[in-house]
Structures are given as structure tokens and as C-alpha cells.
Amino acid sequence: MIEDTRLYDVFFQFDENSRGSMEKMEETVLKVMPDGRKVRLKDVADVYETAGPNEINRENSQRRIVISANVNKRDLGSLVEEVQTKVKSKVVLPEGYYVIYGGQFESQQNATQKIALFGLISILGIALVLFSHFRSTTIMAQIMATIPLAFIGGILLLYLTDKTITVASLVGFITLCGVASRNGIMMISHYLHLMKFENETFNKEMIIRGSQERLVPVMMTACVASLALLPLVFAKGQPGSEVLYPVAVVIVGGLISSTILDIIITPTLFFRFGRTSAEHYINDNNKKEEI
């Protein structure tokens, strides 16, 4: 109903007797005028039988029809991509109609974009801190190279368990950036310590010694962190574990792969590419101490 410049939705529910036939609905008296004339429904409206929504929703002055569904045993992102592909190829929309995919999918897309931005900021922050300390892009790159080693285990364990990548699992991958960097820092810092304070020369024996001496601390920290997260890993399907479970799976998988591969990759990279950077770092520190 239009009154002045405002629109009002009018709902009318008939009694049991009137709703039995369209004729009775048409004869329903809406108002009795002062002169005794009766205004019936058929006088102000067309009454007919049709199929359609019992409520007309609007958004931004346009009609909105909502089609909702629940996702079970599927990744929400891949399912929506499949729906989008099929709708685009098989559904011909009339002029003026368009489809918007919203709800939880829209929220997930927004959260994924924000997490991707925060992840990039985290990686750049780690790189900046490493460069400010070691003053060497080579050493910084060698430590940053341990991050993909952690991602390998996180992705593999996530595939073997949940098989879906969620916003919570992306948070776990961001956490792995710091965990993997820590292992590389512990290894390379000890190599530099041996060269500076124990007069070790840069050779294979020094690399082996430093790796062996750092093996126990690296293994201990990884094992302690994994043991703390194992209850969450085995809590799949339990109430309240929807967020913490994928985070724990990614971190535990990343700790396993980064710890194993870091013992092999980091010493190899440092032995192959780290001589010049290590010597420059030692010389610069010695000059600062002399000053």
C-alpha cells in the first residue's frame, strides 16, 4: 500500500471459512463506508491463484530471491566454484537478473583476503628483522628458505586428515612462518658463534659440529610444541574444535617436516652459499667491538 511517499507491505490472513475458496476471499469485507456501502477485497485487488514466494524481499530497491544450502563433506570454496561454473554454462538469466554468492562463502572470501595480506606482512616483517640483525641478504634468504619446508608438512597432514583449507588452517600457516624461521636462526646463529668465539674455520667439520650441537634444542622445542597440540589434533569432530583443530593440524605437520628437513637443508645451504656472508658478518662484528 502506498501512502504519500512511503510503501507499506500489507498482509492479510483469512479465517478458516474464507480461505476455502477464491470466491469467498473475493467477497471478504475490508471496510464499511459511512453510507453503508461495503468495500470488498475484489474491489481493491485482483485475486488469483499462482505459485511464488510468500514474502518479497528487497535489497537496494531491488527484489531479492534467496537460495540457501548447507555444505556437507565438501570444501565450501570448491563447491561454490563448481556451482558458479555450472550456473554460468547452463543457466540463462532473464534481463535484469544477476547472481550474487554470499553468506558464509562471502565471509570466507573476505577473511581469506585479509589473512593473505597479514601473511605477506608477517613474511616481510620476518625478513626485515633478519636483515636488520645479520645485515646480509644471503643469510636472510637461507633462513627464509626454511619456511616452505614447514608448509610441506602442514599441507601434507592437512590433506591426510581434513582435506580442506579453511580460514583457521591459513592462520596455522602464518604461525609456521615464525616456527620455521626460529629453527633456521638457531642453526645459523650457532655456526656464526663457533666461528667468532671458538675460532672455528668455515668448513664441513664446523657445519657438522654446529648441526649436531643444535639438533637437541631444535628437536626438543618441536616435540614440546607438538605434544601440546596433539590433543587438539585428535579432537576432530568434538564440539568447539572447529577452529583449533585445523590450526593444530597445520602446525604439527609443519613442525615435523621443518624439523626433519631443516637438519638437512639448512646446513647444506649454509655450506654452499654462506661462506662470504658469514665472514663479512664476523668481520663487521669484530670492527664494532674494536670501536
C-alpha atoms as a PDB file:
ATOM      1  CA  MET A   1       0.000   0.000   0.000  1.00  0.00           C
ATOM      2  CA  ILE A   2       1.297   3.447  -0.950  1.00  0.00           C
ATOM      3  CA  GLU A   3       0.654   6.287   1.435  1.00  0.00           C
ATOM      4  CA  ASP A   4       2.185   9.619   0.461  1.00  0.00           C
ATOM      5  CA  THR A   5       5.759   8.669  -0.447  1.00  0.00           C
ATOM      6  CA  ARG A   6       6.026   5.582   1.731  1.00  0.00           C
ATOM      7  CA  LEU A   7       5.465   1.944   0.845  1.00  0.00           C
ATOM      8  CA  TYR A   8       3.813  -0.402   3.321  1.00  0.00           C
ATOM      9  CA  ASP A   9       3.626  -4.183   2.961  1.00  0.00           C
ATOM     10  CA  VAL A  10       0.101  -5.404   3.703  1.00  0.00           C
ATOM     11  CA  PHE A  11      -0.508  -8.934   4.971  1.00  0.00           C
ATOM     12  CA  PHE A  12      -3.978 -10.388   5.391  1.00  0.00           C
ATOM     13  CA  GLN A  13      -4.798 -13.773   6.879  1.00  0.00           C
ATOM     14  CA  PHE A  14      -8.241 -15.198   6.178  1.00  0.00           C
ATOM     15  CA  ASP A  15     -10.282 -17.207   8.616  1.00  0.00           C
ATOM     16  CA  GLU A  16     -10.851 -20.915   8.122  1.00  0.00           C
ATOM     17  CA  ASN A  17     -14.196 -20.365   6.402  1.00  0.00           C
ATOM     18  CA  SER A  18     -12.991 -17.767   3.892  1.00  0.00           C
ATOM     19  CA  ARG A  19      -9.760 -19.386   2.800  1.00  0.00           C
ATOM     20  CA  GLY A  20     -11.615 -22.399   1.404  1.00  0.00           C
ATOM     21  CA  SER A  21     -12.315 -20.826  -1.990  1.00  0.00           C
ATOM     22  CA  MET A  22     -11.281 -17.846  -4.063  1.00  0.00           C
ATOM     23  CA  GLU A  23     -14.906 -16.665  -4.306  1.00  0.00           C
ATOM     24  CA  LYS A  24     -15.185 -16.352  -0.530  1.00  0.00           C
ATOM     25  CA  MET A  25     -11.882 -14.488  -0.422  1.00  0.00           C
ATOM     26  CA  GLU A  26     -13.111 -12.034  -3.031  1.00  0.00           C
ATOM     27  CA  GLU A  27     -16.254 -11.350  -1.019  1.00  0.00           C
ATOM     28  CA  THR A  28     -14.332 -10.608   2.180  1.00  0.00           C
ATOM     29  CA  VAL A  29     -15.432  -7.229   3.520  1.00  0.00           C
ATOM     30  CA  LEU A  30     -12.490  -4.929   4.221  1.00  0.00           C
ATOM     31  CA  LYS A  31     -14.358  -1.816   5.288  1.00  0.00           C
ATOM     32  CA  VAL A  32     -17.887  -0.496   5.699  1.00  0.00           C
ATOM     33  CA  MET A  33     -18.284   3.058   4.409  1.00  0.00           C
ATOM     34  CA  PRO A  34     -20.340   5.707   6.300  1.00  0.00           C
ATOM     35  CA  ASP A  35     -23.128   5.380   3.734  1.00  0.00           C
ATOM     36  CA  GLY A  36     -23.330   1.632   4.425  1.00  0.00           C
ATOM     37  CA  ARG A  37     -21.530   0.551   1.271  1.00  0.00           C
ATOM     38  CA  LYS A  38     -19.189  -2.390   1.803  1.00  0.00           C
ATOM     39  CA  VAL A  39     -15.705  -2.435   0.302  1.00  0.00           C
ATOM     40  CA  ARG A  40     -14.796  -5.989  -0.568  1.00  0.00           C
ATOM     41  CA  LEU A  41     -11.397  -7.447  -1.409  1.00  0.00           C
ATOM     42  CA  LYS A  42     -12.290  -7.846  -5.080  1.00  0.00           C
ATOM     43  CA  ASP A  43     -12.933  -4.082  -5.255  1.00  0.00           C
ATOM     44  CA  VAL A  44      -9.327  -3.161  -4.422  1.00  0.00           C
ATOM     45  CA  ALA A  45      -7.304  -6.185  -5.547  1.00  0.00           C
ATOM     46  CA  ASP A  46      -7.118  -8.882  -8.186  1.00  0.00           C
ATOM     47  CA  VAL A  47      -7.483 -12.288  -6.552  1.00  0.00           C
ATOM     48  CA  TYR A  48      -5.915 -15.191  -8.443  1.00  0.00           C
ATOM     49  CA  GLU A  49      -4.059 -18.410  -7.740  1.00  0.00           C
ATOM     50  CA  THR A  50      -0.352 -18.629  -8.547  1.00  0.00           C
ATOM     51  CA  ALA A  51       2.921 -20.109  -7.292  1.00  0.00           C
ATOM     52  CA  GLY A  52       5.624 -17.923  -5.826  1.00  0.00           C
ATOM     53  CA  PRO A  53       7.319 -16.737  -2.663  1.00  0.00           C
ATOM     54  CA  ASN A  54       5.084 -15.919   0.253  1.00  0.00           C
ATOM     55  CA  GLU A  55       7.314 -12.944   1.036  1.00  0.00           C
ATOM     56  CA  ILE A  56       9.009 -10.499  -1.312  1.00  0.00           C
ATOM     57  CA  ASN A  57      12.462  -9.462  -0.094  1.00  0.00           C
ATOM     58  CA  ARG A  58      14.144  -6.333  -1.319  1.00  0.00           C
ATOM     59  CA  GLU A  59      17.678  -5.007  -1.163  1.00  0.00           C
ATOM     60  CA  ASN A  60      18.806  -1.659  -2.582  1.00  0.00           C
ATOM     61  CA  SER A  61      15.310  -1.145  -4.046  1.00  0.00           C
ATOM     62  CA  GLN A  62      15.566  -4.428  -5.974  1.00  0.00           C
ATOM     63  CA  ARG A  63      13.806  -7.707  -5.421  1.00  0.00           C
ATOM     64  CA  ARG A  64      15.980 -10.376  -3.841  1.00  0.00           C
ATOM     65  CA  ILE A  65      15.386 -14.129  -4.001  1.00  0.00           C
ATOM     66  CA  VAL A  66      17.492 -16.226  -1.625  1.00  0.00           C
ATOM     67  CA  ILE A  67      18.517 -19.790  -2.462  1.00  0.00           C
ATOM     68  CA  SER A  68      20.303 -21.347   0.511  1.00  0.00           C
ATOM     69  CA  ALA A  69      22.066 -24.664   1.008  1.00  0.00           C
ATOM     70  CA  ASN A  70      24.269 -26.392   3.555  1.00  0.00           C
ATOM     71  CA  VAL A  71      27.623 -27.926   2.650  1.00  0.00           C
ATOM     72  CA  ASN A  72      28.464 -31.392   3.933  1.00  0.00           C
ATOM     73  CA  LYS A  73      31.696 -33.333   3.382  1.00  0.00           C
ATOM     74  CA  ARG A  74      32.906 -30.763   0.853  1.00  0.00           C
ATOM     75  CA  ASP A  75      35.147 -27.747   0.866  1.00  0.00           C
ATOM     76  CA  LEU A  76      32.960 -24.643   0.690  1.00  0.00           C
ATOM     77  CA  GLY A  77      35.254 -22.858  -1.748  1.00  0.00           C
ATOM     78  CA  SER A  78      35.468 -25.727  -4.266  1.00  0.00           C
ATOM     79  CA  LEU A  79      31.709 -26.315  -4.079  1.00  0.00           C
ATOM     80  CA  VAL A  80      30.892 -22.683  -4.815  1.00  0.00           C
ATOM     81  CA  GLU A  81      33.370 -22.706  -7.721  1.00  0.00           C
ATOM     82  CA  GLU A  82      31.597 -25.750  -9.152  1.00  0.00           C
ATOM     83  CA  VAL A  83      28.200 -24.083  -8.702  1.00  0.00           C
ATOM     84  CA  GLN A  84      29.457 -20.910 -10.378  1.00  0.00           C
ATOM     85  CA  THR A  85      30.778 -22.883 -13.342  1.00  0.00           C
ATOM     86  CA  LYS A  86      27.537 -24.806 -13.835  1.00  0.00           C
ATOM     87  CA  VAL A  87      25.338 -21.742 -13.404  1.00  0.00           C
ATOM     88  CA  LYS A  88      27.406 -19.795 -15.917  1.00  0.00           C
ATOM     89  CA  SER A  89      27.324 -22.583 -18.514  1.00  0.00           C
ATOM     90  CA  LYS A  90      23.770 -23.919 -18.086  1.00  0.00           C
ATOM     91  CA  VAL A  91      21.586 -21.157 -16.646  1.00  0.00           C
ATOM     92  CA  VAL A  92      20.354 -18.321 -18.847  1.00  0.00           C
ATOM     93  CA  LEU A  93      19.147 -15.472 -16.641  1.00  0.00           C
ATOM     94  CA  PRO A  94      16.426 -13.113 -17.853  1.00  0.00           C
ATOM     95  CA  GLU A  95      17.307  -9.485 -18.431  1.00  0.00           C
ATOM     96  CA  GLY A  96      17.749  -7.622 -15.180  1.00  0.00           C
ATOM     97  CA  TYR A  97      18.596 -10.724 -13.157  1.00  0.00           C
ATOM     98  CA  TYR A  98      22.021 -11.488 -11.703  1.00  0.00           C
ATOM     99  CA  VAL A  99      23.501 -13.853  -9.122  1.00  0.00           C
ATOM    100  CA  ILE A 100      25.479 -12.934  -6.003  1.00  0.00           C
ATOM    101  CA  TYR A 101      27.166 -15.649  -3.938  1.00  0.00           C
ATOM    102  CA  GLY A 102      27.069 -14.542  -0.325  1.00  0.00           C
ATOM    103  CA  GLY A 103      26.639 -15.867   3.169  1.00  0.00           C
ATOM    104  CA  GLN A 104      29.440 -17.898   4.667  1.00  0.00           C
ATOM    105  CA  PHE A 105      31.241 -18.055   1.307  1.00  0.00           C
ATOM    106  CA  GLU A 106      31.406 -14.272   1.097  1.00  0.00           C
ATOM    107  CA  SER A 107      32.681 -14.053   4.669  1.00  0.00           C
ATOM    108  CA  GLN A 108      35.298 -16.696   3.920  1.00  0.00           C
ATOM    109  CA  GLN A 109      36.481 -14.816   0.845  1.00  0.00           C
ATOM    110  CA  ASN A 110      36.880 -11.586   2.812  1.00  0.00           C
ATOM    111  CA  ALA A 111      38.678 -13.373   5.647  1.00  0.00           C
ATOM    112  CA  THR A 112      40.991 -15.159   3.193  1.00  0.00           C
ATOM    113  CA  GLN A 113      41.980 -11.881   1.567  1.00  0.00           C
ATOM    114  CA  LYS A 114      42.728 -10.316   4.942  1.00  0.00           C
ATOM    115  CA  ILE A 115      44.754 -13.331   6.086  1.00  0.00           C
ATOM    116  CA  ALA A 116      46.714 -13.325   2.819  1.00  0.00           C
ATOM    117  CA  LEU A 117      47.558  -9.675   3.452  1.00  0.00           C
ATOM    118  CA  PHE A 118      48.543 -10.347   7.062  1.00  0.00           C
ATOM    119  CA  GLY A 119      50.603 -13.346   5.952  1.00  0.00           C
ATOM    120  CA  LEU A 120      52.512 -11.202   3.476  1.00  0.00           C
ATOM    121  CA  ILE A 121      53.087  -8.585   6.164  1.00  0.00           C
ATOM    122  CA  SER A 122      54.354 -11.308   8.533  1.00  0.00           C
ATOM    123  CA  ILE A 123      56.833 -12.648   5.978  1.00  0.00           C
ATOM    124  CA  LEU A 124      58.082  -9.155   5.160  1.00  0.00           C
ATOM    125  CA  GLY A 125      58.374  -8.409   8.881  1.00  0.00           C
ATOM    126  CA  ILE A 126      60.428 -11.556   9.475  1.00  0.00           C
ATOM    127  CA  ALA A 127      62.679 -10.701   6.535  1.00  0.00           C
ATOM    128  CA  LEU A 128      63.158  -7.154   7.827  1.00  0.00           C
ATOM    129  CA  VAL A 129      64.078  -8.328  11.335  1.00  0.00           C
ATOM    130  CA  LEU A 130      66.518 -10.917   9.978  1.00  0.00           C
ATOM    131  CA  PHE A 131      68.201  -8.415   7.679  1.00  0.00           C
ATOM    132  CA  SER A 132      68.462  -5.809  10.434  1.00  0.00           C
ATOM    133  CA  HIS A 133      70.268  -8.353  12.634  1.00  0.00           C
ATOM    134  CA  PHE A 134      72.533 -10.195  10.190  1.00  0.00           C
ATOM    135  CA  ARG A 135      72.959  -7.364   7.669  1.00  0.00           C
ATOM    136  CA  SER A 136      73.112  -9.950   4.909  1.00  0.00           C
ATOM    137  CA  THR A 137      70.545 -10.800   2.266  1.00  0.00           C
ATOM    138  CA  THR A 138      72.187 -14.205   1.762  1.00  0.00           C
ATOM    139  CA  ILE A 139      71.792 -15.264   5.399  1.00  0.00           C
ATOM    140  CA  MET A 140      68.292 -13.807   5.446  1.00  0.00           C
ATOM    141  CA  ALA A 141      67.358 -15.792   2.320  1.00  0.00           C
ATOM    142  CA  GLN A 142      68.818 -19.010   3.781  1.00  0.00           C
ATOM    143  CA  ILE A 143      66.698 -18.657   6.911  1.00  0.00           C
ATOM    144  CA  MET A 144      63.587 -17.720   4.910  1.00  0.00           C
ATOM    145  CA  ALA A 145      64.116 -20.816   2.745  1.00  0.00           C
ATOM    146  CA  THR A 146      63.093 -22.941   5.739  1.00  0.00           C
ATOM    147  CA  ILE A 147      59.521 -21.599   5.596  1.00  0.00           C
ATOM    148  CA  PRO A 148      58.484 -23.738   2.569  1.00  0.00           C
ATOM    149  CA  LEU A 149      59.873 -26.763   4.412  1.00  0.00           C
ATOM    150  CA  ALA A 150      57.272 -26.203   7.123  1.00  0.00           C
ATOM    151  CA  PHE A 151      54.500 -25.676   4.582  1.00  0.00           C
ATOM    152  CA  ILE A 152      55.200 -29.114   3.096  1.00  0.00           C
ATOM    153  CA  GLY A 153      54.307 -30.921   6.307  1.00  0.00           C
ATOM    154  CA  GLY A 154      51.330 -28.673   7.047  1.00  0.00           C
ATOM    155  CA  ILE A 155      49.800 -29.246   3.605  1.00  0.00           C
ATOM    156  CA  LEU A 156      50.502 -32.995   3.680  1.00  0.00           C
ATOM    157  CA  LEU A 157      48.965 -33.589   7.123  1.00  0.00           C
ATOM    158  CA  LEU A 158      46.018 -31.361   6.257  1.00  0.00           C
ATOM    159  CA  TYR A 159      45.416 -33.433   3.121  1.00  0.00           C
ATOM    160  CA  LEU A 160      45.616 -36.713   5.042  1.00  0.00           C
ATOM    161  CA  THR A 161      43.145 -35.557   7.699  1.00  0.00           C
ATOM    162  CA  ASP A 162      40.682 -32.828   6.760  1.00  0.00           C
ATOM    163  CA  LYS A 163      41.335 -32.414   3.019  1.00  0.00           C
ATOM    164  CA  THR A 164      40.044 -28.834   3.200  1.00  0.00           C
ATOM    165  CA  ILE A 165      41.775 -25.481   3.537  1.00  0.00           C
ATOM    166  CA  THR A 166      39.857 -23.152   5.827  1.00  0.00           C
ATOM    167  CA  VAL A 167      40.489 -19.727   7.299  1.00  0.00           C
ATOM    168  CA  ALA A 168      41.700 -21.382  10.500  1.00  0.00           C
ATOM    169  CA  SER A 169      44.237 -23.504   8.612  1.00  0.00           C
ATOM    170  CA  LEU A 170      45.579 -20.360   6.928  1.00  0.00           C
ATOM    171  CA  VAL A 171      46.202 -18.932  10.389  1.00  0.00           C
ATOM    172  CA  GLY A 172      48.246 -22.067  11.107  1.00  0.00           C
ATOM    173  CA  PHE A 173      50.380 -21.466   8.015  1.00  0.00           C
ATOM    174  CA  ILE A 174      51.132 -17.921   9.171  1.00  0.00           C
ATOM    175  CA  THR A 175      52.218 -19.334  12.534  1.00  0.00           C
ATOM    176  CA  LEU A 176      54.531 -21.768  10.755  1.00  0.00           C
ATOM    177  CA  CYS A 177      56.451 -18.852   9.241  1.00  0.00           C
ATOM    178  CA  GLY A 178      57.739 -17.926  12.683  1.00  0.00           C
ATOM    179  CA  VAL A 179      58.317 -21.536  13.769  1.00  0.00           C
ATOM    180  CA  ALA A 180      60.363 -22.395  10.684  1.00  0.00           C
ATOM    181  CA  SER A 181      62.367 -19.181  10.889  1.00  0.00           C
ATOM    182  CA  ARG A 182      63.226 -19.935  14.510  1.00  0.00           C
ATOM    183  CA  ASN A 183      64.850 -23.253  13.550  1.00  0.00           C
ATOM    184  CA  GLY A 184      66.932 -21.615  10.852  1.00  0.00           C
ATOM    185  CA  ILE A 185      68.012 -18.817  13.200  1.00  0.00           C
ATOM    186  CA  MET A 186      69.103 -21.330  15.852  1.00  0.00           C
ATOM    187  CA  MET A 187      71.219 -23.252  13.359  1.00  0.00           C
ATOM    188  CA  ILE A 188      72.907 -20.364  11.553  1.00  0.00           C
ATOM    189  CA  SER A 189      73.450 -18.319  14.716  1.00  0.00           C
ATOM    190  CA  HIS A 190      75.338 -21.247  16.212  1.00  0.00           C
ATOM    191  CA  TYR A 191      77.550 -21.570  13.126  1.00  0.00           C
ATOM    192  CA  LEU A 192      78.448 -17.896  13.457  1.00  0.00           C
ATOM    193  CA  HIS A 193      79.027 -18.359  17.193  1.00  0.00           C
ATOM    194  CA  LEU A 194      81.517 -21.169  16.541  1.00  0.00           C
ATOM    195  CA  MET A 195      83.397 -19.047  14.026  1.00  0.00           C
ATOM    196  CA  LYS A 196      83.542 -15.952  16.222  1.00  0.00           C
ATOM    197  CA  PHE A 197      84.021 -17.234  19.758  1.00  0.00           C
ATOM    198  CA  GLU A 198      85.575 -20.663  19.278  1.00  0.00           C
ATOM    199  CA  ASN A 199      87.823 -19.799  16.332  1.00  0.00           C
ATOM    200  CA  GLU A 200      86.325 -22.441  14.061  1.00  0.00           C
ATOM    201  CA  THR A 201      87.065 -22.057  10.353  1.00  0.00           C
ATOM    202  CA  PHE A 202      84.355 -22.294   7.745  1.00  0.00           C
ATOM    203  CA  ASN A 203      84.497 -25.920   6.659  1.00  0.00           C
ATOM    204  CA  LYS A 204      82.458 -29.089   6.624  1.00  0.00           C
ATOM    205  CA  GLU A 205      83.587 -30.136  10.101  1.00  0.00           C
ATOM    206  CA  MET A 206      82.356 -26.869  11.593  1.00  0.00           C
ATOM    207  CA  ILE A 207      78.960 -27.283   9.885  1.00  0.00           C
ATOM    208  CA  ILE A 208      78.621 -30.838  11.170  1.00  0.00           C
ATOM    209  CA  ARG A 209      79.573 -29.841  14.703  1.00  0.00           C
ATOM    210  CA  GLY A 210      77.165 -26.914  14.763  1.00  0.00           C
ATOM    211  CA  SER A 211      74.334 -29.041  13.394  1.00  0.00           C
ATOM    212  CA  GLN A 212      74.892 -31.767  15.969  1.00  0.00           C
ATOM    213  CA  GLU A 213      75.013 -29.285  18.846  1.00  0.00           C
ATOM    214  CA  ARG A 214      71.779 -27.649  17.717  1.00  0.00           C
ATOM    215  CA  LEU A 215      69.967 -30.917  16.970  1.00  0.00           C
ATOM    216  CA  VAL A 216      68.789 -31.475  20.553  1.00  0.00           C
ATOM    217  CA  PRO A 217      67.396 -27.936  21.152  1.00  0.00           C
ATOM    218  CA  VAL A 218      65.582 -27.957  17.804  1.00  0.00           C
ATOM    219  CA  MET A 219      64.112 -31.420  18.406  1.00  0.00           C
ATOM    220  CA  MET A 220      63.146 -30.549  21.979  1.00  0.00           C
ATOM    221  CA  THR A 221      61.248 -27.383  21.073  1.00  0.00           C
ATOM    222  CA  ALA A 222      59.483 -29.111  18.178  1.00  0.00           C
ATOM    223  CA  CYS A 223      58.480 -32.109  20.309  1.00  0.00           C
ATOM    224  CA  VAL A 224      57.189 -29.973  23.175  1.00  0.00           C
ATOM    225  CA  ALA A 225      55.102 -27.818  20.830  1.00  0.00           C
ATOM    226  CA  SER A 226      53.748 -30.900  19.029  1.00  0.00           C
ATOM    227  CA  LEU A 227      52.816 -32.660  22.274  1.00  0.00           C
ATOM    228  CA  ALA A 228      50.903 -29.597  23.405  1.00  0.00           C
ATOM    229  CA  LEU A 229      48.907 -29.574  20.159  1.00  0.00           C
ATOM    230  CA  LEU A 230      48.276 -33.314  19.811  1.00  0.00           C
ATOM    231  CA  PRO A 231      45.095 -33.251  21.967  1.00  0.00           C
ATOM    232  CA  LEU A 232      43.632 -30.758  19.517  1.00  0.00           C
ATOM    233  CA  VAL A 233      44.672 -32.885  16.540  1.00  0.00           C
ATOM    234  CA  PHE A 234      42.838 -35.918  17.968  1.00  0.00           C
ATOM    235  CA  ALA A 235      39.789 -33.825  18.873  1.00  0.00           C
ATOM    236  CA  LYS A 236      38.370 -33.831  15.346  1.00  0.00           C
ATOM    237  CA  GLY A 237      34.600 -33.601  15.383  1.00  0.00           C
ATOM    238  CA  GLN A 238      34.413 -32.627  19.044  1.00  0.00           C
ATOM    239  CA  PRO A 239      32.316 -29.577  19.977  1.00  0.00           C
ATOM    240  CA  GLY A 240      34.377 -26.406  19.962  1.00  0.00           C
ATOM    241  CA  SER A 241      37.245 -27.855  17.897  1.00  0.00           C
ATOM    242  CA  GLU A 242      36.133 -26.416  14.568  1.00  0.00           C
ATOM    243  CA  VAL A 243      38.646 -23.559  14.746  1.00  0.00           C
ATOM    244  CA  LEU A 244      41.509 -25.011  16.791  1.00  0.00           C
ATOM    245  CA  TYR A 245      41.624 -28.392  15.021  1.00  0.00           C
ATOM    246  CA  PRO A 246      42.828 -27.186  11.570  1.00  0.00           C
ATOM    247  CA  VAL A 247      45.291 -24.788  13.205  1.00  0.00           C
ATOM    248  CA  ALA A 248      46.773 -27.631  15.263  1.00  0.00           C
ATOM    249  CA  VAL A 249      46.947 -29.980  12.255  1.00  0.00           C
ATOM    250  CA  VAL A 250      48.854 -27.456  10.152  1.00  0.00           C
ATOM    251  CA  ILE A 251      51.289 -26.546  12.940  1.00  0.00           C
ATOM    252  CA  VAL A 252      52.027 -30.158  13.920  1.00  0.00           C
ATOM    253  CA  GLY A 253      52.587 -31.186  10.295  1.00  0.00           C
ATOM    254  CA  GLY A 254      54.795 -28.179   9.724  1.00  0.00           C
ATOM    255  CA  LEU A 255      56.840 -28.861  12.862  1.00  0.00           C
ATOM    256  CA  ILE A 256      57.510 -32.422  11.758  1.00  0.00           C
ATOM    257  CA  SER A 257      58.616 -31.550   8.226  1.00  0.00           C
ATOM    258  CA  SER A 258      60.555 -28.423   9.169  1.00  0.00           C
ATOM    259  CA  THR A 259      62.443 -30.207  11.956  1.00  0.00           C
ATOM    260  CA  ILE A 260      63.440 -33.146   9.752  1.00  0.00           C
ATOM    261  CA  LEU A 261      64.236 -31.209   6.599  1.00  0.00           C
ATOM    262  CA  ASP A 262      65.880 -28.301   8.410  1.00  0.00           C
ATOM    263  CA  ILE A 263      68.608 -30.600   9.714  1.00  0.00           C
ATOM    264  CA  ILE A 264      69.474 -31.409   6.096  1.00  0.00           C
ATOM    265  CA  ILE A 265      68.650 -28.316   4.055  1.00  0.00           C
ATOM    266  CA  THR A 266      69.946 -25.516   6.302  1.00  0.00           C
ATOM    267  CA  PRO A 267      73.484 -26.913   6.780  1.00  0.00           C
ATOM    268  CA  THR A 268      73.688 -27.682   3.069  1.00  0.00           C
ATOM    269  CA  LEU A 269      72.621 -24.193   2.022  1.00  0.00           C
ATOM    270  CA  PHE A 270      74.916 -22.537   4.545  1.00  0.00           C
ATOM    271  CA  PHE A 271      77.889 -24.648   3.488  1.00  0.00           C
ATOM    272  CA  ARG A 272      77.213 -23.948  -0.194  1.00  0.00           C
ATOM    273  CA  PHE A 273      76.357 -20.231  -0.091  1.00  0.00           C
ATOM    274  CA  GLY A 274      77.159 -18.904   3.379  1.00  0.00           C
ATOM    275  CA  ARG A 275      80.952 -18.557   3.471  1.00  0.00           C
ATOM    276  CA  THR A 276      81.220 -14.972   2.208  1.00  0.00           C
ATOM    277  CA  SER A 277      78.240 -13.717   4.234  1.00  0.00           C
ATOM    278  CA  ALA A 278      79.474 -15.426   7.414  1.00  0.00           C
ATOM    279  CA  GLU A 279      82.962 -13.944   7.088  1.00  0.00           C
ATOM    280  CA  HIS A 280      81.547 -10.456   6.460  1.00  0.00           C
ATOM    281  CA  TYR A 281      79.281 -10.790   9.487  1.00  0.00           C
ATOM    282  CA  ILE A 282      82.184 -11.844  11.743  1.00  0.00           C
ATOM    283  CA  ASN A 283      84.430  -9.058  10.453  1.00  0.00           C
ATOM    284  CA  ASP A 284      81.753  -6.399  10.907  1.00  0.00           C
ATOM    285  CA  ASN A 285      81.081  -7.503  14.481  1.00  0.00           C
ATOM    286  CA  ASN A 286      84.790  -7.525  15.282  1.00  0.00           C
ATOM    287  CA  LYS A 287      85.116  -3.975  13.942  1.00  0.00           C
ATOM    288  CA  LYS A 288      82.181  -2.790  16.049  1.00  0.00           C
ATOM    289  CA  GLU A 289      83.721  -4.326  19.164  1.00  0.00           C
ATOM    290  CA  GLU A 290      87.064  -2.658  18.471  1.00  0.00           C
ATOM    291  CA  ILE A 291      85.364   0.704  18.117  1.00  0.00           C
END
